[in-house]
């Protein structure tokens, strides 16, 4: 299972989250989880992946299609 920030929230969902933020006095982040299978990669592929991660300042995950 892999979770990422939710980017397709409805207006109703956004309002509910904002209302809860106001009530709690806290900032909330919404995540959506996806069922994915990790891909096996070799050392050379891992090095390339890590190089791009470092260049872009992000995390990458290799998954099965």
N, C-alpha and C. Protein backbone atom coordinates (compact mmCIF):
# COMPACT_ATOMS: atom_id res chain seq x y z
N UNK A 1 0.85 -1.16 0.00
CA UNK A 1 0.00 0.00 0.00
C UNK A 1 0.90 1.24 0.00
N UNK A 2 0.55 2.18 -0.84
CA UNK A 2 1.32 3.41 -0.96
C UNK A 2 0.36 4.58 -0.84
N UNK A 3 0.67 5.53 0.00
CA UNK A 3 -0.20 6.68 0.20
C UNK A 3 0.47 7.95 -0.32
N UNK A 4 -0.36 8.83 -0.89
CA UNK A 4 0.13 10.10 -1.39
C UNK A 4 -0.87 11.19 -1.01
N UNK A 5 -0.43 12.43 -1.10
CA UNK A 5 -1.33 13.53 -0.79
C UNK A 5 -2.54 13.48 -1.71
N UNK A 6 -3.72 13.68 -1.16
CA UNK A 6 -4.95 13.69 -1.95
C UNK A 6 -5.02 14.97 -2.77
N UNK A 7 -5.20 14.83 -4.06
CA UNK A 7 -5.24 16.01 -4.94
C UNK A 7 -6.58 16.18 -5.64
N UNK A 8 -7.49 15.24 -5.44
CA UNK A 8 -8.79 15.29 -6.13
C UNK A 8 -9.93 15.28 -5.12
N UNK A 9 -9.89 16.19 -4.17
CA UNK A 9 -10.94 16.28 -3.18
C UNK A 9 -12.10 17.10 -3.72
N UNK A 10 -13.31 16.70 -3.36
CA UNK A 10 -14.48 17.46 -3.77
C UNK A 10 -14.60 18.70 -2.88
N UNK A 11 -15.42 19.63 -3.32
CA UNK A 11 -15.65 20.85 -2.53
C UNK A 11 -16.21 20.49 -1.17
N UNK A 12 -17.10 19.51 -1.12
CA UNK A 12 -17.70 19.06 0.16
C UNK A 12 -16.62 18.50 1.08
N UNK A 13 -15.70 17.71 0.54
CA UNK A 13 -14.62 17.14 1.34
C UNK A 13 -13.68 18.23 1.85
N UNK A 14 -13.36 19.20 0.99
CA UNK A 14 -12.49 20.31 1.41
C UNK A 14 -13.12 21.12 2.53
N UNK A 15 -14.41 21.37 2.42
CA UNK A 15 -15.11 22.13 3.47
C UNK A 15 -15.08 21.36 4.78
N UNK A 16 -15.32 20.05 4.73
CA UNK A 16 -15.30 19.23 5.95
C UNK A 16 -13.92 19.26 6.60
N UNK A 17 -12.87 19.19 5.79
CA UNK A 17 -11.51 19.22 6.32
C UNK A 17 -11.20 20.58 6.91
N UNK A 18 -11.56 21.65 6.21
CA UNK A 18 -11.31 23.00 6.73
C UNK A 18 -12.08 23.26 8.02
N UNK A 19 -13.31 22.77 8.09
CA UNK A 19 -14.09 22.91 9.33
C UNK A 19 -13.40 22.19 10.48
N UNK A 20 -12.91 20.99 10.23
CA UNK A 20 -12.22 20.23 11.28
C UNK A 20 -10.92 20.92 11.68
N UNK A 21 -10.19 21.48 10.71
CA UNK A 21 -8.97 22.23 11.04
C UNK A 21 -9.28 23.38 11.99
N UNK A 22 -10.35 24.13 11.68
CA UNK A 22 -10.73 25.25 12.55
C UNK A 22 -11.09 24.75 13.95
N UNK A 23 -11.85 23.66 14.01
CA UNK A 23 -12.28 23.10 15.29
C UNK A 23 -11.09 22.62 16.12
N UNK A 24 -10.14 21.96 15.47
CA UNK A 24 -8.98 21.41 16.19
C UNK A 24 -7.88 22.43 16.41
N UNK A 25 -7.86 23.48 15.58
CA UNK A 25 -6.77 24.45 15.65
C UNK A 25 -5.48 23.86 15.11
N UNK A 26 -5.60 22.92 14.19
CA UNK A 26 -4.44 22.23 13.61
C UNK A 26 -4.55 22.20 12.09
N UNK A 27 -3.41 22.14 11.42
CA UNK A 27 -3.39 21.94 9.97
C UNK A 27 -3.44 20.45 9.69
N UNK A 28 -4.29 20.06 8.77
CA UNK A 28 -4.45 18.64 8.42
C UNK A 28 -3.98 18.40 6.99
N UNK A 29 -3.38 17.25 6.76
CA UNK A 29 -3.01 16.81 5.42
C UNK A 29 -3.87 15.60 5.08
N UNK A 30 -4.40 15.57 3.86
CA UNK A 30 -5.24 14.46 3.42
C UNK A 30 -4.43 13.54 2.51
N UNK A 31 -4.50 12.24 2.78
CA UNK A 31 -3.78 11.25 1.99
C UNK A 31 -4.77 10.26 1.39
N UNK A 32 -4.44 9.77 0.21
CA UNK A 32 -5.18 8.70 -0.44
C UNK A 32 -4.22 7.53 -0.60
N UNK A 33 -4.69 6.32 -0.29
CA UNK A 33 -3.83 5.14 -0.38
C UNK A 33 -4.20 4.30 -1.59
N UNK A 34 -3.17 3.68 -2.19
CA UNK A 34 -3.32 2.89 -3.41
C UNK A 34 -2.68 1.53 -3.19
N UNK A 35 -3.33 0.49 -3.69
CA UNK A 35 -2.76 -0.85 -3.63
C UNK A 35 -1.80 -1.00 -4.80
N UNK A 36 -0.52 -1.15 -4.49
CA UNK A 36 0.49 -1.33 -5.52
C UNK A 36 1.48 -2.40 -5.05
N UNK A 37 2.11 -3.05 -6.01
CA UNK A 37 3.14 -4.02 -5.69
C UNK A 37 4.49 -3.42 -6.02
N UNK A 38 5.45 -3.51 -5.11
CA UNK A 38 6.77 -2.96 -5.40
C UNK A 38 7.46 -3.72 -6.52
N UNK A 39 8.23 -3.02 -7.31
CA UNK A 39 9.01 -3.64 -8.38
C UNK A 39 10.40 -3.96 -7.85
N UNK A 40 10.93 -5.07 -8.29
CA UNK A 40 12.31 -5.39 -7.94
C UNK A 40 13.23 -4.65 -8.90
N UNK A 41 14.26 -4.01 -8.34
CA UNK A 41 15.23 -3.30 -9.18
C UNK A 41 16.63 -3.73 -8.75
N UNK A 42 17.56 -3.67 -9.69
CA UNK A 42 18.93 -4.07 -9.38
C UNK A 42 19.72 -2.87 -8.85
N UNK A 43 20.96 -3.10 -8.48
CA UNK A 43 21.78 -2.04 -7.87
C UNK A 43 21.98 -0.86 -8.82
N UNK A 44 22.16 -1.13 -10.09
CA UNK A 44 22.35 -0.05 -11.07
C UNK A 44 21.08 0.80 -11.19
N UNK A 45 19.95 0.14 -11.25
CA UNK A 45 18.68 0.87 -11.32
C UNK A 45 18.44 1.67 -10.06
N UNK A 46 18.78 1.09 -8.91
CA UNK A 46 18.61 1.80 -7.64
C UNK A 46 19.49 3.04 -7.60
N UNK A 47 20.71 2.94 -8.07
CA UNK A 47 21.62 4.10 -8.10
C UNK A 47 21.05 5.21 -8.97
N UNK A 48 20.50 4.85 -10.11
CA UNK A 48 19.89 5.86 -11.00
C UNK A 48 18.68 6.51 -10.35
N UNK A 49 17.86 5.68 -9.70
CA UNK A 49 16.69 6.20 -9.01
C UNK A 49 17.10 7.18 -7.92
N UNK A 50 18.09 6.80 -7.11
CA UNK A 50 18.55 7.66 -6.02
C UNK A 50 19.18 8.95 -6.55
N UNK A 51 19.85 8.88 -7.69
CA UNK A 51 20.45 10.08 -8.27
C UNK A 51 19.35 11.09 -8.63
N UNK A 52 18.28 10.61 -9.26
CA UNK A 52 17.18 11.50 -9.62
C UNK A 52 16.47 12.02 -8.37
N UNK A 53 16.29 11.16 -7.37
CA UNK A 53 15.69 11.62 -6.11
C UNK A 53 16.48 12.78 -5.53
N UNK A 54 17.82 12.63 -5.48
CA UNK A 54 18.67 13.67 -4.91
C UNK A 54 18.64 14.95 -5.74
N UNK A 55 18.61 14.81 -7.05
CA UNK A 55 18.57 15.99 -7.93
C UNK A 55 17.26 16.76 -7.78
N UNK A 56 16.15 16.02 -7.64
CA UNK A 56 14.84 16.66 -7.60
C UNK A 56 14.33 16.94 -6.19
N UNK A 57 14.96 16.33 -5.18
CA UNK A 57 14.50 16.52 -3.80
C UNK A 57 13.16 15.85 -3.53
N UNK A 58 12.94 14.69 -4.15
CA UNK A 58 11.70 13.95 -3.97
C UNK A 58 12.02 12.49 -3.68
N UNK A 59 11.00 11.73 -3.32
CA UNK A 59 11.14 10.28 -3.15
C UNK A 59 10.45 9.58 -4.29
N UNK A 60 11.08 8.56 -4.85
CA UNK A 60 10.51 7.77 -5.93
C UNK A 60 10.36 6.34 -5.46
N UNK A 61 9.32 5.66 -5.93
CA UNK A 61 9.05 4.27 -5.59
C UNK A 61 8.80 3.52 -6.89
N UNK A 62 9.55 2.45 -7.12
CA UNK A 62 9.36 1.62 -8.30
C UNK A 62 8.25 0.61 -7.98
N UNK A 63 7.22 0.55 -8.85
CA UNK A 63 6.10 -0.36 -8.63
C UNK A 63 5.83 -1.19 -9.89
N UNK A 64 5.15 -2.31 -9.69
CA UNK A 64 4.73 -3.15 -10.82
C UNK A 64 3.61 -2.43 -11.57
N UNK A 65 3.53 -2.66 -12.87
CA UNK A 65 2.41 -2.10 -13.63
C UNK A 65 1.25 -3.04 -13.61
